[in-house]
Amino acid sequence: MILVFRHFFYKNYVGLSLWPFIFLKNDALKNDVYLINHERIHLVQQKELLIFPFYILYITEWLVKSLYYLNCYKGYQNLSFEREAYRNEKNLDYLANRSFFSFIKYLWC
């Protein structure tokens, strides 16, 4: 389910997946197939990690990588979950062919 919630987002962020919802900054983004695919990739990641552990891993990895890069945004950009989603958001068939736990191969690249 896709919901629009304008006041939920900080700066350049326009989409967020919180199982089972996709939140968008504005209505026009509903037509952005790449953004929706990106967020759907996150929903699959959340589902395969049984939702709550996904958030723990996401936050832990973000903290570690933010400290490593000494930059919160760079830490975010280098999360395995985000790397997988960004690198595959333009492949609209990705989810149909994705293997379980595919984010793992993005941990160290």
N, C-alpha and C. Protein backbone atom coordinates (compact mmCIF):
# COMPACT_ATOMS: atom_id res chain seq x y z
N MET A 1 0.83 -1.17 0.00
CA MET A 1 0.00 0.00 0.00
C MET A 1 0.89 1.24 0.00
N ILE A 2 0.56 2.18 -0.84
CA ILE A 2 1.34 3.42 -0.97
C ILE A 2 0.57 4.56 -0.32
N LEU A 3 1.23 5.27 0.58
CA LEU A 3 0.62 6.41 1.28
C LEU A 3 1.48 7.65 1.06
N VAL A 4 0.85 8.80 1.01
CA VAL A 4 1.56 10.08 0.87
C VAL A 4 1.51 10.79 2.21
N PHE A 5 2.70 11.18 2.67
CA PHE A 5 2.82 11.86 3.96
C PHE A 5 3.95 12.87 3.84
N ARG A 6 3.60 14.07 3.48
CA ARG A 6 4.57 15.13 3.15
C ARG A 6 5.53 15.49 4.29
N HIS A 7 5.05 15.49 5.50
CA HIS A 7 5.83 16.01 6.63
C HIS A 7 6.71 14.97 7.30
N PHE A 8 6.83 13.82 6.70
CA PHE A 8 7.57 12.71 7.27
C PHE A 8 9.03 12.70 6.83
N PHE A 9 9.36 13.50 5.82
CA PHE A 9 10.66 13.37 5.15
C PHE A 9 11.61 14.52 5.44
N TYR A 10 12.87 14.16 5.49
CA TYR A 10 13.95 15.10 5.75
C TYR A 10 14.71 15.36 4.47
N LYS A 11 14.93 16.60 4.14
CA LYS A 11 15.72 17.05 2.99
C LYS A 11 15.39 16.32 1.69
N ASN A 12 16.36 15.59 1.15
CA ASN A 12 16.24 14.97 -0.16
C ASN A 12 15.51 13.62 -0.17
N TYR A 13 15.12 13.13 0.98
CA TYR A 13 14.45 11.83 1.04
C TYR A 13 13.02 11.98 0.55
N VAL A 14 12.60 11.06 -0.32
CA VAL A 14 11.27 11.16 -0.92
C VAL A 14 10.44 9.89 -0.72
N GLY A 15 11.04 8.81 -0.29
CA GLY A 15 10.32 7.56 -0.11
C GLY A 15 10.86 6.78 1.08
N LEU A 16 9.98 5.98 1.66
CA LEU A 16 10.36 5.18 2.82
C LEU A 16 9.45 3.96 2.87
N SER A 17 10.04 2.82 3.12
CA SER A 17 9.27 1.58 3.27
C SER A 17 9.29 1.15 4.72
N LEU A 18 8.12 1.02 5.27
CA LEU A 18 7.93 0.46 6.61
C LEU A 18 6.84 -0.59 6.46
N TRP A 19 7.25 -1.84 6.56
CA TRP A 19 6.37 -2.96 6.26
C TRP A 19 4.98 -2.74 6.83
N PRO A 20 3.93 -2.86 6.09
CA PRO A 20 3.80 -3.21 4.67
C PRO A 20 3.54 -1.99 3.78
N PHE A 21 3.94 -0.81 4.26
CA PHE A 21 3.61 0.43 3.56
C PHE A 21 4.81 1.04 2.84
N ILE A 22 4.52 1.78 1.79
CA ILE A 22 5.49 2.66 1.14
C ILE A 22 4.97 4.07 1.36
N PHE A 23 5.77 4.90 2.00
CA PHE A 23 5.41 6.29 2.23
C PHE A 23 6.15 7.15 1.21
N LEU A 24 5.44 8.08 0.61
CA LEU A 24 6.03 8.99 -0.37
C LEU A 24 5.82 10.43 0.06
N LYS A 25 6.71 11.30 -0.41
CA LYS A 25 6.66 12.71 -0.04
C LYS A 25 5.51 13.45 -0.72
N ASN A 26 5.15 13.03 -1.95
CA ASN A 26 4.02 13.67 -2.63
C ASN A 26 3.37 12.72 -3.63
N ASP A 27 2.18 13.07 -4.07
CA ASP A 27 1.38 12.22 -4.97
C ASP A 27 2.07 11.93 -6.30
N ALA A 28 2.79 12.90 -6.84
CA ALA A 28 3.43 12.73 -8.14
C ALA A 28 4.42 11.57 -8.14
N LEU A 29 5.01 11.26 -6.99
CA LEU A 29 6.00 10.19 -6.89
C LEU A 29 5.39 8.81 -7.09
N LYS A 30 4.07 8.70 -7.01
CA LYS A 30 3.42 7.41 -7.27
C LYS A 30 3.67 6.93 -8.69
N ASN A 31 3.99 7.86 -9.58
CA ASN A 31 4.24 7.53 -10.99
C ASN A 31 5.71 7.23 -11.28
N ASP A 32 6.57 7.37 -10.29
CA ASP A 32 8.00 7.11 -10.46
C ASP A 32 8.25 5.61 -10.28
N VAL A 33 8.26 4.88 -11.39
CA VAL A 33 8.37 3.42 -11.32
C VAL A 33 9.68 2.96 -10.69
N TYR A 34 10.75 3.72 -10.88
CA TYR A 34 12.03 3.33 -10.29
C TYR A 34 12.02 3.52 -8.78
N LEU A 35 11.45 4.60 -8.32
CA LEU A 35 11.35 4.82 -6.87
C LEU A 35 10.47 3.74 -6.24
N ILE A 36 9.35 3.44 -6.84
CA ILE A 36 8.46 2.41 -6.30
C ILE A 36 9.17 1.05 -6.30
N ASN A 37 9.91 0.75 -7.36
CA ASN A 37 10.67 -0.51 -7.40
C ASN A 37 11.72 -0.54 -6.30
N HIS A 38 12.41 0.58 -6.10
CA HIS A 38 13.40 0.70 -5.03
C HIS A 38 12.75 0.37 -3.68
N GLU A 39 11.61 0.97 -3.41
CA GLU A 39 10.94 0.76 -2.13
C GLU A 39 10.39 -0.65 -2.01
N ARG A 40 9.97 -1.24 -3.11
CA ARG A 40 9.50 -2.63 -3.08
C ARG A 40 10.65 -3.59 -2.77
N ILE A 41 11.83 -3.27 -3.25
CA ILE A 41 13.02 -4.07 -2.91
C ILE A 41 13.20 -4.06 -1.39
N HIS A 42 13.03 -2.89 -0.79
CA HIS A 42 13.14 -2.81 0.68
C HIS A 42 12.06 -3.63 1.37
N LEU A 43 10.85 -3.63 0.83
CA LEU A 43 9.79 -4.44 1.44
C LEU A 43 10.13 -5.92 1.41
N VAL A 44 10.73 -6.37 0.32
CA VAL A 44 11.14 -7.78 0.23
C VAL A 44 12.27 -8.06 1.22
N GLN A 45 13.22 -7.15 1.35
CA GLN A 45 14.29 -7.31 2.33
C GLN A 45 13.71 -7.42 3.74
N GLN A 46 12.75 -6.56 4.04
CA GLN A 46 12.13 -6.57 5.37
C GLN A 46 11.40 -7.89 5.62
N LYS A 47 10.69 -8.34 4.61
CA LYS A 47 9.92 -9.58 4.75
C LYS A 47 10.83 -10.79 4.97
N GLU A 48 11.92 -10.87 4.19
CA GLU A 48 12.79 -12.04 4.30
C GLU A 48 13.55 -12.07 5.62
N LEU A 49 13.72 -10.91 6.25
CA LEU A 49 14.37 -10.86 7.57
C LEU A 49 13.35 -10.81 8.70
N LEU A 50 12.11 -11.12 8.38
CA LEU A 50 11.03 -11.16 9.37
C LEU A 50 10.80 -9.80 10.03
N ILE A 51 10.96 -8.77 9.26
CA ILE A 51 10.63 -7.37 9.55
C ILE A 51 11.46 -6.75 10.68
N PHE A 52 11.22 -7.09 11.91
CA PHE A 52 11.93 -6.44 13.01
C PHE A 52 13.44 -6.60 12.93
N PRO A 53 13.98 -7.79 12.67
CA PRO A 53 15.44 -7.90 12.54
C PRO A 53 16.01 -7.03 11.40
N PHE A 54 15.20 -6.79 10.37
CA PHE A 54 15.66 -5.90 9.30
C PHE A 54 16.00 -4.53 9.87
N TYR A 55 15.10 -3.98 10.67
CA TYR A 55 15.32 -2.64 11.21
C TYR A 55 16.52 -2.61 12.15
N ILE A 56 16.72 -3.65 12.92
CA ILE A 56 17.89 -3.72 13.80
C ILE A 56 19.18 -3.76 12.98
N LEU A 57 19.21 -4.62 11.96
CA LEU A 57 20.39 -4.69 11.09
C LEU A 57 20.63 -3.39 10.34
N TYR A 58 19.56 -2.79 9.84
CA TYR A 58 19.66 -1.55 9.09
C TYR A 58 20.28 -0.45 9.95
N ILE A 59 19.74 -0.27 11.15
CA ILE A 59 20.25 0.77 12.05
C ILE A 59 21.67 0.47 12.50
N THR A 60 21.95 -0.78 12.83
CA THR A 60 23.30 -1.16 13.25
C THR A 60 24.31 -0.92 12.14
N GLU A 61 23.98 -1.35 10.93
CA GLU A 61 24.89 -1.15 9.80
C GLU A 61 25.07 0.34 9.53
N TRP A 62 23.99 1.11 9.64
CA TRP A 62 24.08 2.55 9.41
C TRP A 62 25.01 3.21 10.45
N LEU A 63 24.87 2.81 11.71
CA LEU A 63 25.75 3.38 12.75
C LEU A 63 27.21 3.05 12.50
N VAL A 64 27.48 1.79 12.19
CA VAL A 64 28.86 1.36 11.94
C VAL A 64 29.44 2.08 10.73
N LYS A 65 28.69 2.14 9.64
CA LYS A 65 29.21 2.77 8.42
C LYS A 65 29.28 4.29 8.55
N SER A 66 28.39 4.89 9.32
CA SER A 66 28.48 6.33 9.56
C SER A 66 29.74 6.66 10.34
N LEU A 67 30.07 5.83 11.32
CA LEU A 67 31.32 6.02 12.06
C LEU A 67 32.54 5.78 11.17
N TYR A 68 32.45 4.74 10.35
CA TYR A 68 33.56 4.41 9.45
C TYR A 68 33.84 5.56 8.48
N TYR A 69 32.79 6.11 7.87
CA TYR A 69 32.95 7.20 6.90
C TYR A 69 32.95 8.58 7.55
N LEU A 70 32.65 8.63 8.85
CA LEU A 70 32.52 9.90 9.58
C LEU A 70 31.53 10.84 8.90
N ASN A 71 30.46 10.22 8.37
CA ASN A 71 29.44 10.98 7.64
C ASN A 71 28.17 10.13 7.61
N CYS A 72 27.10 10.67 8.17
CA CYS A 72 25.84 9.90 8.25
C CYS A 72 25.26 9.60 6.87
N TYR A 73 25.31 10.57 5.96
CA TYR A 73 24.74 10.34 4.63
C TYR A 73 25.56 9.32 3.85
N LYS A 74 26.87 9.41 3.96
CA LYS A 74 27.73 8.44 3.28
C LYS A 74 27.52 7.04 3.88
N GLY A 75 27.29 6.99 5.19
CA GLY A 75 26.96 5.72 5.82
C GLY A 75 25.68 5.14 5.26
N TYR A 76 24.67 5.99 5.09
CA TYR A 76 23.40 5.57 4.49
C TYR A 76 23.60 5.05 3.06
N GLN A 77 24.37 5.78 2.28
CA GLN A 77 24.59 5.40 0.87
C GLN A 77 25.29 4.06 0.75
N ASN A 78 26.05 3.68 1.75
CA ASN A 78 26.82 2.45 1.69
C ASN A 78 26.21 1.28 2.45
N LEU A 79 24.98 1.43 2.88
CA LEU A 79 24.28 0.30 3.50
C LEU A 79 24.06 -0.79 2.46
N SER A 80 24.22 -2.02 2.86
CA SER A 80 24.00 -3.13 1.92
C SER A 80 22.58 -3.11 1.37
N PHE A 81 21.62 -2.77 2.20
CA PHE A 81 20.21 -2.73 1.77
C PHE A 81 20.00 -1.64 0.72
N GLU A 82 20.62 -0.49 0.94
CA GLU A 82 20.48 0.62 -0.01
C GLU A 82 21.26 0.35 -1.30
N ARG A 83 22.44 -0.23 -1.17
CA ARG A 83 23.21 -0.55 -2.38
C ARG A 83 22.43 -1.48 -3.29
N GLU A 84 21.85 -2.52 -2.70
CA GLU A 84 21.05 -3.45 -3.50
C GLU A 84 19.89 -2.72 -4.17
N ALA A 85 19.17 -1.91 -3.40
CA ALA A 85 18.00 -1.23 -3.95
C ALA A 85 18.39 -0.22 -5.03
N TYR A 86 19.41 0.59 -4.79
CA TYR A 86 19.82 1.58 -5.79
C TYR A 86 20.36 0.93 -7.06
N ARG A 87 21.15 -0.11 -6.90
CA ARG A 87 21.74 -0.74 -8.09
C ARG A 87 20.73 -1.51 -8.93
N ASN A 88 19.59 -1.83 -8.36
CA ASN A 88 18.61 -2.64 -9.09
C ASN A 88 17.26 -1.96 -9.29
N GLU A 89 17.13 -0.72 -8.88
CA GLU A 89 15.83 -0.05 -8.98
C GLU A 89 15.36 0.14 -10.42
N LYS A 90 16.26 0.22 -11.36
CA LYS A 90 15.87 0.41 -12.77
C LYS A 90 15.60 -0.91 -13.49
N ASN A 91 15.88 -2.01 -12.83
CA ASN A 91 15.58 -3.33 -13.38
C ASN A 91 14.23 -3.76 -12.82
N LEU A 92 13.19 -3.51 -13.59
CA LEU A 92 11.83 -3.77 -13.10
C LEU A 92 11.51 -5.25 -12.96
N ASP A 93 12.39 -6.12 -13.46
CA ASP A 93 12.22 -7.56 -13.31
C ASP A 93 13.06 -8.12 -12.16
N TYR A 94 13.78 -7.25 -11.48
CA TYR A 94 14.71 -7.69 -10.45
C TYR A 94 14.04 -8.54 -9.38
N LEU A 95 12.92 -8.11 -8.86
CA LEU A 95 12.29 -8.85 -7.77
C LEU A 95 11.82 -10.23 -8.19
N ALA A 96 11.48 -10.39 -9.44
CA ALA A 96 11.04 -11.70 -9.93
C ALA A 96 12.20 -12.69 -9.99
N ASN A 97 13.42 -12.16 -10.12
CA ASN A 97 14.60 -13.02 -10.26
C ASN A 97 15.56 -12.96 -9.07
N ARG A 98 15.24 -12.18 -8.08
CA ARG A 98 16.12 -11.97 -6.93
C ARG A 98 16.21 -13.22 -6.06
N SER A 99 17.43 -13.51 -5.62
CA SER A 99 17.66 -14.62 -4.68
C SER A 99 17.44 -14.13 -3.25
N PHE A 100 17.15 -15.06 -2.35
CA PHE A 100 17.01 -14.71 -0.95
C PHE A 100 18.31 -14.14 -0.41
N PHE A 101 18.18 -13.16 0.45
CA PHE A 101 19.31 -12.52 1.13
C PHE A 101 20.35 -11.94 0.16
N SER A 102 19.89 -11.44 -0.96
CA SER A 102 20.80 -10.84 -1.96
C SER A 102 21.55 -9.63 -1.43
N PHE A 103 21.01 -8.96 -0.43
CA PHE A 103 21.68 -7.79 0.12
C PHE A 103 23.05 -8.13 0.68
N ILE A 104 23.27 -9.39 1.07
CA ILE A 104 24.53 -9.80 1.70
C ILE A 104 25.72 -9.55 0.78
N LYS A 105 25.54 -9.77 -0.51
CA LYS A 105 26.67 -9.56 -1.44
C LYS A 105 27.03 -8.09 -1.59
N TYR A 106 26.19 -7.18 -1.04
CA TYR A 106 26.48 -5.75 -1.10
C TYR A 106 27.10 -5.23 0.18
N LEU A 107 27.35 -6.11 1.14
CA LEU A 107 27.94 -5.67 2.42
C LEU A 107 29.35 -5.09 2.22
N TRP A 108 30.13 -5.69 1.39
CA TRP A 108 31.54 -5.32 1.29
C TRP A 108 31.95 -4.74 -0.03
N CYS A 109 31.05 -4.52 -0.96
CA CYS A 109 31.49 -4.00 -2.27
C CYS A 109 31.55 -2.50 -2.30
